[in-house]
Protein backbone atom coordinates (compact mmCIF):
# COMPACT_ATOMS: atom_id res chain seq x y z
CA MET A 1 -5.85 2.10 24.68
CA ALA A 2 -4.91 3.51 21.27
CA LYS A 3 -6.80 2.20 18.22
CA ILE A 4 -7.01 2.48 14.42
CA LEU A 5 -10.52 2.87 13.04
CA LEU A 6 -11.20 1.43 9.75
CA ASN A 7 -13.92 3.16 7.90
CA LYS A 8 -15.82 0.55 5.60
CA GLU A 9 -17.71 2.87 4.03
CA ASN A 10 -14.96 4.72 2.76
CA LEU A 11 -13.02 1.72 1.62
CA PHE A 12 -16.24 0.64 -0.34
CA TYR A 13 -16.23 3.97 -1.98
CA ASN A 14 -12.74 3.94 -2.85
CA LEU A 15 -13.26 0.34 -4.40
CA GLY A 16 -15.95 1.55 -6.23
CA VAL A 17 -14.02 4.53 -7.88
CA ILE A 18 -11.30 2.04 -8.86
CA SER A 19 -13.58 -0.97 -10.10
CA GLU A 20 -15.75 1.69 -12.19
CA HIS A 21 -12.25 2.68 -13.86
CA THR A 22 -11.16 -0.56 -14.79
CA LYS A 23 -14.67 -1.58 -15.69
CA SER A 24 -14.87 -4.57 -13.66
CA LYS A 25 -14.65 -5.90 -10.09
CA ASP A 26 -12.62 -8.99 -11.57
CA LYS A 27 -9.78 -6.70 -12.79
CA VAL A 28 -8.91 -5.31 -9.51
CA ALA A 29 -6.11 -6.75 -7.59
CA ILE A 30 -6.21 -5.13 -4.00
CA VAL A 31 -2.61 -4.47 -2.94
CA LEU A 32 -2.33 -5.71 0.81
CA LYS A 33 1.36 -6.14 1.26
CA ASP A 34 3.06 -4.81 4.52
CA ASN A 35 -0.02 -5.56 6.64
CA ALA A 36 -2.26 -3.55 3.72
CA TYR A 37 0.05 -0.56 4.04
CA GLY A 38 -0.30 -0.38 7.73
CA HIS A 39 -4.33 -0.83 7.70
CA GLY A 40 -4.35 -4.50 8.74
CA ILE A 41 -3.99 -7.22 6.29
CA LEU A 42 -6.79 -9.35 7.48
CA GLU A 43 -9.34 -6.45 8.09
CA ILE A 44 -8.93 -4.97 4.81
CA ALA A 45 -9.11 -8.33 3.12
CA THR A 46 -12.03 -9.65 4.72
CA MET A 47 -13.99 -5.93 3.75
CA ALA A 48 -12.59 -6.05 0.15
CA SER A 49 -13.62 -9.56 -0.11
CA GLU A 50 -17.01 -8.65 1.02
CA PHE A 51 -17.17 -5.63 -1.94
CA GLY A 52 -16.56 -8.48 -4.16
CA ILE A 53 -12.86 -8.26 -5.01
CA LYS A 54 -11.35 -11.32 -6.15
CA LYS A 55 -7.74 -10.95 -6.64
CA ALA A 56 -4.94 -9.63 -4.15
CA VAL A 57 -1.19 -8.87 -4.31
CA VAL A 58 0.67 -9.57 -1.39
CA LYS A 59 4.70 -9.57 -0.75
CA THR A 60 5.33 -13.15 1.00
CA LEU A 61 3.64 -16.73 1.07
CA ASN A 62 3.03 -15.75 4.93
CA GLU A 63 0.91 -12.91 4.01
CA ALA A 64 -0.80 -15.10 1.28
CA LEU A 65 -1.54 -17.82 3.75
CA ILE A 66 -3.28 -15.17 6.15
CA ILE A 67 -5.51 -14.52 3.22
CA GLU A 68 -6.07 -17.44 1.50
CA LYS A 69 -9.77 -18.33 1.95
CA LEU A 70 -10.54 -15.09 0.87
CA PHE A 71 -9.45 -14.61 -2.37
CA ASP A 72 -9.57 -16.70 -5.67
CA TYR A 73 -6.33 -15.27 -6.86
CA ILE A 74 -3.20 -14.18 -4.92
CA LEU A 75 -0.04 -12.70 -6.66
CA ILE A 76 2.99 -12.95 -4.32
CA LEU A 77 5.56 -10.16 -5.08
CA ALA A 78 8.92 -11.20 -3.18
CA GLU A 79 9.24 -14.61 -2.17
CA LYS A 80 12.47 -16.34 -2.67
CA THR A 81 11.83 -19.65 -0.47
CA PHE A 82 9.17 -21.05 -1.85
CA HIS A 83 8.12 -24.86 -0.82
CA THR A 84 4.56 -24.89 -0.99
CA TYR A 85 1.80 -23.66 -3.69
CA SER A 86 -1.69 -23.40 -4.05
CA HIS A 87 -3.27 -23.27 -7.02
CA THR A 88 -4.64 -19.89 -5.60
CA PHE A 89 -1.13 -18.44 -5.59
CA HIS A 90 0.74 -16.92 -8.24
CA ILE A 91 4.50 -16.27 -7.90
CA ALA A 92 6.57 -13.15 -9.29
CA LEU A 93 9.53 -14.22 -11.17
CA ASN A 94 12.11 -11.32 -10.50
CA SER A 95 14.97 -12.69 -11.93
CA LEU A 96 16.31 -15.69 -14.30
CA LYS A 97 18.23 -17.32 -11.44
CA GLN A 98 14.76 -17.88 -9.71
CA ILE A 99 13.21 -20.36 -12.06
CA ASP A 100 15.81 -23.14 -10.57
CA ASN A 101 14.05 -22.51 -7.04
CA LEU A 102 10.34 -22.73 -8.33
CA PRO A 103 8.28 -25.87 -7.98
CA LYS A 104 6.73 -27.64 -10.62
CA ASN A 105 3.32 -26.75 -11.66
CA CYS A 106 3.27 -23.73 -9.77
CA ASN A 107 1.63 -20.54 -11.28
CA VAL A 108 3.98 -17.56 -12.30
CA HIS A 109 3.83 -14.20 -13.35
CA ILE A 110 7.00 -12.99 -15.00
CA LYS A 111 8.19 -9.67 -14.05
CA VAL A 112 9.46 -7.44 -16.91
CA ASP A 113 12.05 -4.37 -16.19
CA THR A 114 10.85 -1.72 -18.67
CA GLY A 115 12.78 1.08 -17.20
CA MET A 116 12.45 0.92 -13.36
CA HIS A 117 15.66 -1.07 -13.09
CA ARG A 118 14.90 -2.57 -9.50
CA ASN A 119 13.37 -6.14 -10.50
CA GLY A 120 12.46 -8.25 -13.28
CA ILE A 121 14.06 -9.74 -16.10
CA SER A 122 15.04 -7.77 -19.27
CA PRO A 123 12.68 -7.58 -22.34
CA GLN A 124 15.84 -9.43 -24.10
CA GLU A 125 15.47 -12.58 -21.55
CA LEU A 126 11.83 -13.09 -22.27
CA GLU A 127 12.16 -16.33 -24.59
CA GLU A 128 14.74 -17.86 -22.43
CA ALA A 129 12.51 -17.08 -19.36
CA ILE A 130 9.79 -18.63 -21.08
CA LEU A 131 11.50 -21.46 -22.30
CA GLY A 132 12.93 -22.10 -18.83
CA LEU A 133 9.23 -22.32 -17.13
CA TYR A 134 7.92 -24.29 -19.86
CA LYS A 135 10.54 -26.80 -19.81
CA LYS A 136 9.88 -27.15 -15.91
CA ASP A 137 6.13 -27.59 -16.45
CA ILE A 138 5.43 -24.20 -14.80
CA HIS A 139 2.34 -22.39 -15.63
CA ILE A 140 2.70 -19.08 -16.98
CA THR A 141 -0.30 -17.32 -16.04
CA GLY A 142 0.96 -13.55 -15.94
CA VAL A 143 3.36 -10.89 -17.50
CA PHE A 144 3.61 -7.53 -15.95
CA THR A 145 5.99 -4.64 -15.26
CA HIS A 146 6.01 -1.61 -12.80
CA HIS A 147 5.89 2.52 -13.46
CA LYS A 148 8.67 4.22 -11.70
CA SER A 149 6.92 7.54 -12.19
CA ALA A 150 3.17 7.24 -13.00
CA ASP A 151 2.58 9.89 -10.13
CA GLU A 152 4.92 12.50 -12.03
CA LEU A 153 4.98 14.83 -14.75
CA SER A 154 7.57 12.91 -17.21
CA THR A 155 7.78 11.15 -20.44
CA ASP A 156 8.99 7.78 -18.70
CA PHE A 157 5.45 6.71 -18.12
CA PHE A 158 4.66 6.85 -22.06
CA TRP A 159 7.92 5.17 -22.56
CA GLN A 160 7.58 2.40 -20.36
CA ASN A 161 4.02 1.61 -22.00
CA THR A 162 5.59 1.72 -25.48
CA VAL A 163 8.26 -0.83 -24.20
CA PHE A 164 5.54 -2.96 -22.33
CA SER A 165 3.47 -3.09 -25.28
CA ARG A 166 6.53 -4.51 -27.28
CA VAL A 167 6.72 -6.92 -24.47
CA LYS A 168 3.21 -8.12 -25.11
CA GLU A 169 3.61 -8.73 -28.46
CA ASP A 170 6.75 -10.61 -28.08
CA VAL A 171 5.14 -12.76 -25.15
CA LYS A 172 1.94 -13.25 -27.44
CA ARG A 173 4.34 -14.53 -30.42
CA ILE A 174 6.30 -16.90 -27.85
CA CYS A 175 3.19 -18.37 -26.53
CA GLU A 176 1.89 -19.11 -29.93
CA GLN A 177 4.83 -20.81 -31.09
CA LEU A 178 4.69 -23.22 -27.86
CA LEU A 179 1.01 -23.41 -28.12
CA LEU A 180 0.67 -21.87 -24.57
CA PRO A 181 -2.32 -20.03 -23.36
CA LEU A 182 -1.92 -16.32 -23.30
CA PRO A 183 -1.19 -14.95 -19.75
CA ALA A 184 -2.83 -12.15 -18.14
CA PHE A 185 -0.91 -8.88 -18.85
CA HIS A 186 -0.76 -5.95 -16.12
CA SER A 187 1.16 -2.72 -15.60
CA CYS A 188 -0.75 -0.27 -13.76
CA ASN A 189 -0.45 0.84 -10.07
CA SER A 190 -2.80 3.18 -8.40
CA ALA A 191 -1.39 6.25 -10.27
CA ALA A 192 -0.89 4.56 -13.71
CA LEU A 193 -4.75 3.09 -13.66
CA PHE A 194 -6.15 6.89 -13.19
CA ARG A 195 -3.40 8.31 -16.21
CA HIS A 196 -5.35 5.68 -18.54
CA THR A 197 -8.40 7.10 -19.89
CA ASN A 198 -9.50 3.88 -21.54
CA PHE A 199 -8.00 0.96 -19.19
CA ASP A 200 -7.60 -2.34 -21.43
CA GLU A 201 -5.22 -4.70 -19.65
CA ASP A 202 -6.32 -7.66 -17.54
CA MET A 203 -5.77 -6.39 -14.27
CA ALA A 204 -4.73 -3.35 -12.23
CA ARG A 205 -2.55 -3.87 -8.90
CA VAL A 206 -4.08 -1.00 -6.69
CA GLY A 207 -2.47 -0.13 -3.61
CA ILE A 208 -2.63 3.24 -1.92
CA ALA A 209 -5.74 4.63 -3.75
CA SER A 210 -7.90 1.56 -2.09
CA TYR A 211 -6.70 3.41 1.23
CA GLY A 212 -7.53 6.61 0.15
CA TYR A 213 -4.71 8.24 -1.54
CA LEU A 214 -2.87 9.39 -4.73
CA ASP A 215 0.04 11.65 -4.75
CA ASN A 216 -0.09 14.48 -7.04
CA ALA A 217 -4.04 14.13 -7.34
CA ASN A 218 -4.68 17.45 -8.39
CA VAL A 219 -1.91 17.72 -11.03
CA PHE A 220 -3.46 14.99 -12.66
CA LYS A 221 -7.00 15.45 -12.01
CA PHE A 222 -7.45 12.08 -10.20
CA PRO A 223 -10.68 11.41 -8.48
CA LYS A 224 -11.08 12.40 -5.03
CA LEU A 225 -10.87 9.39 -2.92
CA LYS A 226 -11.42 9.20 1.18
CA PRO A 227 -8.90 7.95 3.39
CA VAL A 228 -10.05 4.80 5.24
CA LEU A 229 -7.54 4.70 8.37
CA SER A 230 -7.86 7.01 11.43
CA LEU A 231 -5.58 7.06 14.30
CA TRP A 232 -6.99 7.50 17.94
CA ALA A 233 -5.52 7.67 21.28
CA GLN A 234 -6.55 7.25 24.89
CA LYS A 235 -5.86 9.73 27.84
CA LEU A 236 -3.56 8.39 30.40
CA SER A 237 -3.34 11.59 32.66
CA THR A 238 -4.07 15.31 32.76
CA ARG A 239 -2.57 18.20 34.52
CA VAL A 240 -2.73 22.20 34.84
CA LEU A 241 0.69 23.15 33.26
CA LYS A 242 1.42 26.67 35.06
CA LYS A 243 2.82 29.68 33.19
CA GLY A 244 6.19 29.12 32.47
CA GLN A 245 6.19 25.36 33.17
CA SER A 246 7.32 23.01 29.97
CA VAL A 247 6.75 19.68 29.17
CA GLY A 248 8.25 16.66 27.70
CA TYR A 249 11.73 15.89 27.02
CA GLY A 250 13.72 18.95 26.27
CA GLY A 251 11.06 20.91 27.73
CA THR A 252 10.82 22.30 24.33
CA TYR A 253 7.17 23.54 24.90
CA THR A 254 6.82 26.30 27.64
CA ALA A 255 3.29 27.36 28.73
CA CYS A 256 2.73 31.13 28.12
CA GLU A 257 -0.43 30.77 30.16
CA ASP A 258 -1.96 28.17 32.61
CA ILE A 259 -3.19 25.48 30.44
CA THR A 260 -4.73 22.08 30.63
CA VAL A 261 -2.58 19.46 29.06
CA SER A 262 -3.06 15.68 28.85
CA THR A 263 -0.75 12.80 28.15
CA TYR A 264 -2.22 10.33 25.76
CA ASP A 265 -0.87 6.56 24.74
CA ILE A 266 0.51 6.93 21.40
CA GLY A 267 4.51 7.78 20.39
CA TYR A 268 7.03 7.03 18.41
CA GLY A 269 7.12 3.44 19.69
CA ASP A 270 3.69 2.71 18.30
CA GLY A 271 4.76 4.37 14.92
CA PHE A 272 3.57 7.97 15.20
CA LEU A 273 7.04 9.33 14.26
CA ARG A 274 8.46 12.06 16.23
CA LEU A 275 7.58 15.46 15.38
CA ASN A 276 10.32 18.23 14.86
CA GLU A 277 8.99 20.64 17.55
CA ARG A 278 9.73 23.24 15.30
CA CYS A 279 6.85 22.23 13.29
CA GLU A 280 3.46 22.25 14.67
CA TYR A 281 0.84 19.68 14.19
CA THR A 282 -2.90 20.21 15.08
CA THR A 283 -5.07 16.80 15.47
CA PRO A 284 -8.25 16.99 13.35
CA LYS A 285 -10.32 18.84 16.38
CA GLY A 286 -7.69 21.55 16.54
CA TYR A 287 -5.58 20.17 19.62
CA LYS A 288 -1.88 20.86 19.44
CA VAL A 289 0.97 18.30 19.96
CA LEU A 290 2.96 20.01 22.78
CA GLY A 291 6.55 19.29 22.96
CA ARG A 292 8.60 16.38 21.84
CA VAL A 293 6.82 13.07 21.02
CA SER A 294 8.12 10.61 23.14
CA MET A 295 8.16 6.69 22.87
CA ASP A 296 4.86 5.55 24.10
CA ASN A 297 3.06 8.95 24.65
CA LEU A 298 2.22 12.70 23.31
CA SER A 299 0.73 15.69 24.87
CA LEU A 300 -2.25 17.69 23.89
CA ASN A 301 -3.94 20.85 25.19
CA THR A 302 -6.99 18.94 26.02
CA ASP A 303 -8.47 16.75 28.56
CA ASP A 304 -10.86 14.72 26.41
CA GLU A 305 -10.76 10.94 27.15
CA ASN A 306 -10.23 9.93 23.48
CA VAL A 307 -8.74 12.04 20.94
CA CYS A 308 -8.39 11.28 17.00
CA ILE A 309 -4.77 11.97 16.06
CA PHE A 310 -5.39 11.92 12.22
CA GLU A 311 -7.72 10.88 9.80
CA ASP A 312 -5.63 11.88 6.79
CA VAL A 313 -1.99 11.64 6.85
CA ASN A 314 -1.30 14.27 4.07
CA THR A 315 -0.56 17.07 6.42
CA LEU A 316 2.18 14.70 8.60
CA ALA A 317 3.46 13.44 5.04
CA LYS A 318 4.18 17.13 4.41
CA ILE A 319 5.76 17.80 7.86
CA HIS A 320 7.90 14.92 7.72
CA ASP A 321 8.78 15.44 4.13
CA THR A 322 7.95 12.00 3.03
CA ILE A 323 4.92 10.30 1.32
CA THR A 324 1.72 8.84 2.67
CA TYR A 325 2.46 5.50 2.29
CA GLU A 326 5.67 5.97 4.60
CA ILE A 327 3.27 7.24 7.46
CA THR A 328 0.74 4.65 7.48
CA THR A 329 3.08 1.36 6.85
CA THR A 330 5.27 2.75 9.90
CA LEU A 331 2.49 2.19 12.40
CA SER A 332 2.66 -0.69 14.53
CA PRO A 333 0.95 -3.90 13.89
CA ASN A 334 -0.03 -4.35 17.33
CA ILE A 335 -2.47 -1.67 17.32
CA LYS A 336 -5.89 -2.33 18.19
CA LYS A 337 -8.00 -2.50 14.98
CA GLU A 338 -11.91 -1.94 14.56
CA ILE A 339 -13.93 -1.60 11.56
CA VAL A 340 -16.67 1.06 11.97
């Protein structure tokens, strides 16, 4: 049976590097949305909690309910129909209209659009948002933004930081006028955190770095992290492919000599994307994927009983002309997971 192995030591190493940069584990909010980027939300949450992380970020209320007992503080990014709440939960406010649908006495983080133009209120709407929440007895526990290009060489990162600095000052002024406690301020995703040499916000929302990846790490001299997830497949059958015979759909691989070929129980139906047969992919142990990946299986030039398909998705991301996030989040949540 195909399986995902989660390396606990590597996760702890990454969380150690991250918490050292934030100067405290209490300032680390591990992002667990979309099944922890394909790694398994409950498995990663359990290990992160054991490490000492007390804050988490998810997409929906359902995700929050899965991990509710493991964290003291859970930020929910994209829930529109919020009918119940816990003191542990903090809801992201993505628009002024959303205020009408929020329950009394819930906790809210106001998202401010500082230039990404995706979600969040504008800086000019801050006072209206704070007054609207105040009148409904809703607790404003955070104000945050999101960087659009923290992992790219551009001025946008510095420009958004400047805009968010002004937002902080406006929030402090309005809260002082209303005698409200100051909310937590946060703007950093993984790349933004490591762009700061002296991190000084109340928390950082760290996703992909927790799992061992940072795009353009060499450009910015980011710390070396360790991938947490490896994908393994089990042999279904073995045969000798004679010289001149082909394997798989379209017969796109033809043997140049007699070769031992085995089929393994992983395919694009499990989230291992179809490879363009014009691009070669070699497993960590040196076995080649032969021909086209099928829905439920693929062929390799080995007869090993179990094979590691990947332990670092950077190579696959380049082959598919995408980012590491897409490779891991595409994996089926039904694949069995083991912590090692």
